[in-house]
Structures are given as C-alpha cells and as structure tokens.
Amino acid sequence: MAKDVASFAAGCFWGVEARFRALPGVADAPVGYMGGHIDEPTYRQVCGGATGHAEAVQVTFDPERISYAELMSAFFDIHNPTTLNRQGPDRGTQYRSAIYYHDEDQKKQAEAKIAQIDATGDLSNPVVTEVAPAGMFWRAEEYHQRYLEKNDSAFCHI
C-alpha cells in the first residue's frame, strides 16, 4: 500500500483526529503540534499560546483509496474555516485553521480549494485558513492520542 502524508489544524485536535480516522483509506492520524517555533512543545506550552504551534493532525493515507482533495473536503467540512484563531468556544492561535503542505502539489491544491470555496459565496466570511509548509510535526503526549476513543464521555468543541 502506498502512503502519503497530509497535515491539518482545525481547532481541538481530538475531534479532528476521530473524523479523519473514520475515513476509508486513512491509515493513521496522530495528534500533535505544528507551525510553531519551540522544539518538543508540551500541551501546556501550546495551550499557553506562546509557542506559535497549532493543535494539528498528521494524516497518513493511501492515495489509491482516498485522495488529498477528499481529505481537504473533509477538513473543510469539520470546522469553520472563516474564524481566525477560534473554533467554537476554543480561542487562541493554537486553534487556528491551517493546512500544512508537504509538497508543491499539496500547496497548489490547498490554495485552489480555498479560492473555490471563497468563489461560491456560500460562506458569510472569507476563508482564513493558513497554508504553510509542513515543517516538523511534534507528536502530542500519549494521553491525547485517540482521546475520544479512550474517553467516551469527553467533550470536544467541533
């Protein structure tokens, strides 16, 4: 099975992870931190807002079963891409909407998808999703991995 990687930030990473894991063709979707300037950040540091990192999900997928375009469609369906640094009641740069691209093709597809969404006029505000190079993915602490599966009474704002 061929495997590719895609990285997204869409607010609280617990719900985002669960939604991506449920898609056919997704092999793995660990949660972690991307887009910041601190090496090996902790959850507490990221929540403090000073690391520059966003809560993110790194999706490993089989491109023969699910395309990058389909992953982006799921990404835009599971959060509000028009709210800057906020998803539901969660506020701060760590909850920003972002697509972290791993190659130029992903970058072009992300930019085209955002332009397409904005052109429809279906959303009341323009998309503010950041499109940035993937950089380092820092895996979150183990208790965050598959959090909603382990904690069926947990609440996540998505």
C-alpha atoms as a PDB file:
ATOM      1  CA  MET A   1       0.000   0.000   0.000  1.00  0.00           C
ATOM      2  CA  ALA A   2       1.376   3.397  -0.982  1.00  0.00           C
ATOM      3  CA  LYS A   3       1.251   6.000   1.770  1.00  0.00           C
ATOM      4  CA  ASP A   4       1.187   9.766   1.673  1.00  0.00           C
ATOM      5  CA  VAL A   5       1.032  12.332   4.476  1.00  0.00           C
ATOM      6  CA  ALA A   6      -1.228  15.349   4.935  1.00  0.00           C
ATOM      7  CA  SER A   7      -1.321  17.723   7.919  1.00  0.00           C
ATOM      8  CA  PHE A   8      -4.230  19.838   9.116  1.00  0.00           C
ATOM      9  CA  ALA A   9      -5.149  22.074  12.048  1.00  0.00           C
ATOM     10  CA  ALA A  10      -8.847  22.705  12.700  1.00  0.00           C
ATOM     11  CA  GLY A  11      -9.263  23.572  16.363  1.00  0.00           C
ATOM     12  CA  CYS A  12      -9.364  20.986  19.152  1.00  0.00           C
ATOM     13  CA  PHE A  13      -7.420  18.057  17.743  1.00  0.00           C
ATOM     14  CA  TRP A  14      -9.428  15.293  19.455  1.00  0.00           C
ATOM     15  CA  GLY A  15     -12.481  15.579  17.226  1.00  0.00           C
ATOM     16  CA  VAL A  16     -10.426  16.282  14.120  1.00  0.00           C
ATOM     17  CA  GLU A  17      -8.414  13.105  14.710  1.00  0.00           C
ATOM     18  CA  ALA A  18     -11.555  11.000  15.183  1.00  0.00           C
ATOM     19  CA  ARG A  19     -13.141  12.318  11.991  1.00  0.00           C
ATOM     20  CA  PHE A  20     -10.041  11.637   9.882  1.00  0.00           C
ATOM     21  CA  ARG A  21      -9.529   8.172  11.378  1.00  0.00           C
ATOM     22  CA  ALA A  22     -13.069   7.256  10.306  1.00  0.00           C
ATOM     23  CA  LEU A  23     -12.349   7.898   6.624  1.00  0.00           C
ATOM     24  CA  PRO A  24     -11.670   4.845   4.427  1.00  0.00           C
ATOM     25  CA  GLY A  25      -8.083   4.966   3.220  1.00  0.00           C
ATOM     26  CA  VAL A  26      -6.709   6.743   6.301  1.00  0.00           C
ATOM     27  CA  ALA A  27      -4.061   4.531   7.902  1.00  0.00           C
ATOM     28  CA  ASP A  28      -3.156   6.747  10.868  1.00  0.00           C
ATOM     29  CA  ALA A  29      -3.913  10.209  12.242  1.00  0.00           C
ATOM     30  CA  PRO A  30      -1.875  11.044  15.338  1.00  0.00           C
ATOM     31  CA  VAL A  31      -2.370  14.404  17.015  1.00  0.00           C
ATOM     32  CA  GLY A  32       0.396  16.857  17.719  1.00  0.00           C
ATOM     33  CA  TYR A  33       1.678  20.362  17.211  1.00  0.00           C
ATOM     34  CA  MET A  34       2.833  22.196  14.091  1.00  0.00           C
ATOM     35  CA  GLY A  35       3.663  25.659  12.873  1.00  0.00           C
ATOM     36  CA  GLY A  36       5.486  26.998  15.887  1.00  0.00           C
ATOM     37  CA  HIS A  37       8.984  27.911  16.981  1.00  0.00           C
ATOM     38  CA  ILE A  38       9.539  25.702  20.056  1.00  0.00           C
ATOM     39  CA  ASP A  39      11.080  22.217  19.775  1.00  0.00           C
ATOM     40  CA  GLU A  40       9.287  19.365  21.539  1.00  0.00           C
ATOM     41  CA  PRO A  41       6.423  21.502  22.886  1.00  0.00           C
ATOM     42  CA  THR A  42       4.118  20.194  25.581  1.00  0.00           C
ATOM     43  CA  TYR A  43       0.351  20.533  25.620  1.00  0.00           C
ATOM     44  CA  ARG A  44       0.604  23.022  28.477  1.00  0.00           C
ATOM     45  CA  GLN A  45       3.065  25.166  26.497  1.00  0.00           C
ATOM     46  CA  VAL A  46       0.936  25.094  23.351  1.00  0.00           C
ATOM     47  CA  CYS A  47      -2.211  25.973  25.309  1.00  0.00           C
ATOM     48  CA  GLY A  48      -0.348  28.937  26.771  1.00  0.00           C
ATOM     49  CA  GLY A  49      -0.264  30.396  23.269  1.00  0.00           C
ATOM     50  CA  ALA A  50       3.397  31.470  23.224  1.00  0.00           C
ATOM     51  CA  THR A  51       4.861  28.592  21.147  1.00  0.00           C
ATOM     52  CA  GLY A  52       3.254  29.552  17.842  1.00  0.00           C
ATOM     53  CA  HIS A  53       2.101  25.950  17.386  1.00  0.00           C
ATOM     54  CA  ALA A  54      -1.383  24.856  16.367  1.00  0.00           C
ATOM     55  CA  GLU A  55      -3.079  21.668  17.534  1.00  0.00           C
ATOM     56  CA  ALA A  56      -2.741  19.514  14.408  1.00  0.00           C
ATOM     57  CA  VAL A  57      -3.392  16.067  12.976  1.00  0.00           C
ATOM     58  CA  GLN A  58      -0.903  14.332  10.696  1.00  0.00           C
ATOM     59  CA  VAL A  59      -2.851  12.019   8.397  1.00  0.00           C
ATOM     60  CA  THR A  60      -1.164   9.030   6.769  1.00  0.00           C
ATOM     61  CA  PHE A  61      -3.320   7.842   3.899  1.00  0.00           C
ATOM     62  CA  ASP A  62      -3.438   5.526   0.896  1.00  0.00           C
ATOM     63  CA  PRO A  63      -3.837   7.767  -2.176  1.00  0.00           C
ATOM     64  CA  GLU A  64      -5.309   4.827  -4.101  1.00  0.00           C
ATOM     65  CA  ARG A  65      -8.240   4.754  -1.636  1.00  0.00           C
ATOM     66  CA  ILE A  66      -8.643   8.423  -0.713  1.00  0.00           C
ATOM     67  CA  SER A  67      -7.292  11.483  -2.451  1.00  0.00           C
ATOM     68  CA  TYR A  68      -5.736  14.576  -0.969  1.00  0.00           C
ATOM     69  CA  ALA A  69      -8.688  16.516  -2.400  1.00  0.00           C
ATOM     70  CA  GLU A  70     -11.088  14.269  -0.456  1.00  0.00           C
ATOM     71  CA  LEU A  71      -9.085  14.843   2.733  1.00  0.00           C
ATOM     72  CA  MET A  72      -9.290  18.599   2.188  1.00  0.00           C
ATOM     73  CA  SER A  73     -13.051  18.351   1.665  1.00  0.00           C
ATOM     74  CA  ALA A  74     -13.357  16.513   4.970  1.00  0.00           C
ATOM     75  CA  PHE A  75     -11.130  19.124   6.628  1.00  0.00           C
ATOM     76  CA  PHE A  76     -13.338  21.993   5.457  1.00  0.00           C
ATOM     77  CA  ASP A  77     -16.496  20.096   6.452  1.00  0.00           C
ATOM     78  CA  ILE A  78     -15.431  19.541  10.075  1.00  0.00           C
ATOM     79  CA  HIS A  79     -14.657  23.096  11.123  1.00  0.00           C
ATOM     80  CA  ASN A  80     -15.379  26.742  10.408  1.00  0.00           C
ATOM     81  CA  PRO A  81     -12.532  27.988   8.197  1.00  0.00           C
ATOM     82  CA  THR A  82     -13.731  31.612   8.454  1.00  0.00           C
ATOM     83  CA  THR A  83     -12.974  32.228  12.131  1.00  0.00           C
ATOM     84  CA  LEU A  84      -9.461  33.459  12.847  1.00  0.00           C
ATOM     85  CA  ASN A  85      -7.766  31.663  15.759  1.00  0.00           C
ATOM     86  CA  ARG A  86     -11.027  30.206  17.016  1.00  0.00           C
ATOM     87  CA  GLN A  87     -13.225  27.128  16.777  1.00  0.00           C
ATOM     88  CA  GLY A  88     -16.390  27.189  18.850  1.00  0.00           C
ATOM     89  CA  PRO A  89     -15.510  28.329  22.366  1.00  0.00           C
ATOM     90  CA  ASP A  90     -11.795  27.496  21.885  1.00  0.00           C
ATOM     91  CA  ARG A  91      -9.794  30.670  21.262  1.00  0.00           C
ATOM     92  CA  GLY A  92      -6.136  31.296  20.548  1.00  0.00           C
ATOM     93  CA  THR A  93      -3.626  30.794  17.772  1.00  0.00           C
ATOM     94  CA  GLN A  94      -3.296  27.136  18.774  1.00  0.00           C
ATOM     95  CA  TYR A  95      -6.855  26.635  17.428  1.00  0.00           C
ATOM     96  CA  ARG A  96      -6.276  28.252  14.034  1.00  0.00           C
ATOM     97  CA  SER A  97      -7.346  26.721  10.771  1.00  0.00           C
ATOM     98  CA  ALA A  98      -4.300  25.569   8.789  1.00  0.00           C
ATOM     99  CA  ILE A  99      -3.222  23.272   6.011  1.00  0.00           C
ATOM    100  CA  TYR A 100       0.436  22.325   6.312  1.00  0.00           C
ATOM    101  CA  TYR A 101       1.568  21.170   2.890  1.00  0.00           C
ATOM    102  CA  HIS A 102       4.246  18.537   2.307  1.00  0.00           C
ATOM    103  CA  ASP A 103       4.944  19.349  -1.354  1.00  0.00           C
ATOM    104  CA  GLU A 104       4.105  21.905  -4.038  1.00  0.00           C
ATOM    105  CA  ASP A 105       1.169  19.856  -5.339  1.00  0.00           C
ATOM    106  CA  GLN A 106      -0.500  19.909  -1.905  1.00  0.00           C
ATOM    107  CA  LYS A 107       0.137  23.671  -1.701  1.00  0.00           C
ATOM    108  CA  LYS A 108      -1.462  24.279  -5.111  1.00  0.00           C
ATOM    109  CA  GLN A 109      -4.440  22.068  -4.283  1.00  0.00           C
ATOM    110  CA  ALA A 110      -4.963  23.832  -0.922  1.00  0.00           C
ATOM    111  CA  GLU A 111      -4.816  27.304  -2.475  1.00  0.00           C
ATOM    112  CA  ALA A 112      -7.179  26.246  -5.281  1.00  0.00           C
ATOM    113  CA  LYS A 113      -9.650  24.717  -2.805  1.00  0.00           C
ATOM    114  CA  ILE A 114      -9.719  27.900  -0.720  1.00  0.00           C
ATOM    115  CA  ALA A 115     -10.251  30.020  -3.841  1.00  0.00           C
ATOM    116  CA  GLN A 116     -13.038  27.675  -4.928  1.00  0.00           C
ATOM    117  CA  ILE A 117     -14.786  27.889  -1.540  1.00  0.00           C
ATOM    118  CA  ASP A 118     -14.498  31.678  -1.468  1.00  0.00           C
ATOM    119  CA  ALA A 119     -15.788  31.952  -5.051  1.00  0.00           C
ATOM    120  CA  THR A 120     -19.012  30.109  -4.222  1.00  0.00           C
ATOM    121  CA  GLY A 121     -20.101  32.816  -1.790  1.00  0.00           C
ATOM    122  CA  ASP A 122     -21.675  30.090   0.369  1.00  0.00           C
ATOM    123  CA  LEU A 123     -19.830  31.262   3.498  1.00  0.00           C
ATOM    124  CA  SER A 124     -20.669  34.563   5.160  1.00  0.00           C
ATOM    125  CA  ASN A 125     -16.961  35.452   5.507  1.00  0.00           C
ATOM    126  CA  PRO A 126     -13.805  34.604   3.539  1.00  0.00           C
ATOM    127  CA  VAL A 127     -11.724  31.546   4.402  1.00  0.00           C
ATOM    128  CA  VAL A 128      -8.850  32.435   6.763  1.00  0.00           C
ATOM    129  CA  THR A 129      -7.174  29.013   6.652  1.00  0.00           C
ATOM    130  CA  GLU A 130      -3.404  29.366   6.766  1.00  0.00           C
ATOM    131  CA  VAL A 131      -1.491  27.470   4.048  1.00  0.00           C
ATOM    132  CA  ALA A 132       2.092  26.891   5.184  1.00  0.00           C
ATOM    133  CA  PRO A 133       4.962  24.417   4.736  1.00  0.00           C
ATOM    134  CA  ALA A 134       4.579  21.394   6.998  1.00  0.00           C
ATOM    135  CA  GLY A 135       7.812  21.690   8.930  1.00  0.00           C
ATOM    136  CA  MET A 136       8.239  19.494  11.990  1.00  0.00           C
ATOM    137  CA  PHE A 137       5.288  17.589  13.444  1.00  0.00           C
ATOM    138  CA  TRP A 138       5.663  17.197  17.197  1.00  0.00           C
ATOM    139  CA  ARG A 139       3.561  14.257  18.378  1.00  0.00           C
ATOM    140  CA  ALA A 140       1.365  15.180  21.349  1.00  0.00           C
ATOM    141  CA  GLU A 141       1.529  13.362  24.649  1.00  0.00           C
ATOM    142  CA  GLU A 142       0.211   9.803  24.554  1.00  0.00           C
ATOM    143  CA  TYR A 143      -2.910  10.573  26.591  1.00  0.00           C
ATOM    144  CA  HIS A 144      -4.083  12.816  23.695  1.00  0.00           C
ATOM    145  CA  GLN A 145      -3.783  10.052  21.078  1.00  0.00           C
ATOM    146  CA  ARG A 146      -7.209   8.548  20.256  1.00  0.00           C
ATOM    147  CA  TYR A 147      -8.543  10.591  23.176  1.00  0.00           C
ATOM    148  CA  LEU A 148     -12.211  10.372  22.236  1.00  0.00           C
ATOM    149  CA  GLU A 149     -11.957   6.587  21.779  1.00  0.00           C
ATOM    150  CA  LYS A 150     -10.498   6.242  25.285  1.00  0.00           C
ATOM    151  CA  ASN A 151     -12.820   8.783  26.917  1.00  0.00           C
ATOM    152  CA  ASP A 152     -16.331   8.270  25.592  1.00  0.00           C
ATOM    153  CA  SER A 153     -17.709  10.949  27.899  1.00  0.00           C
ATOM    154  CA  ALA A 154     -15.208  13.565  26.688  1.00  0.00           C
ATOM    155  CA  PHE A 155     -16.497  16.701  25.041  1.00  0.00           C
ATOM    156  CA  CYS A 156     -14.708  18.384  22.202  1.00  0.00           C
ATOM    157  CA  HIS A 157     -15.785  21.604  20.595  1.00  0.00           C
ATOM    158  CA  ILE A 158     -16.031  20.786  16.916  1.00  0.00           C
END
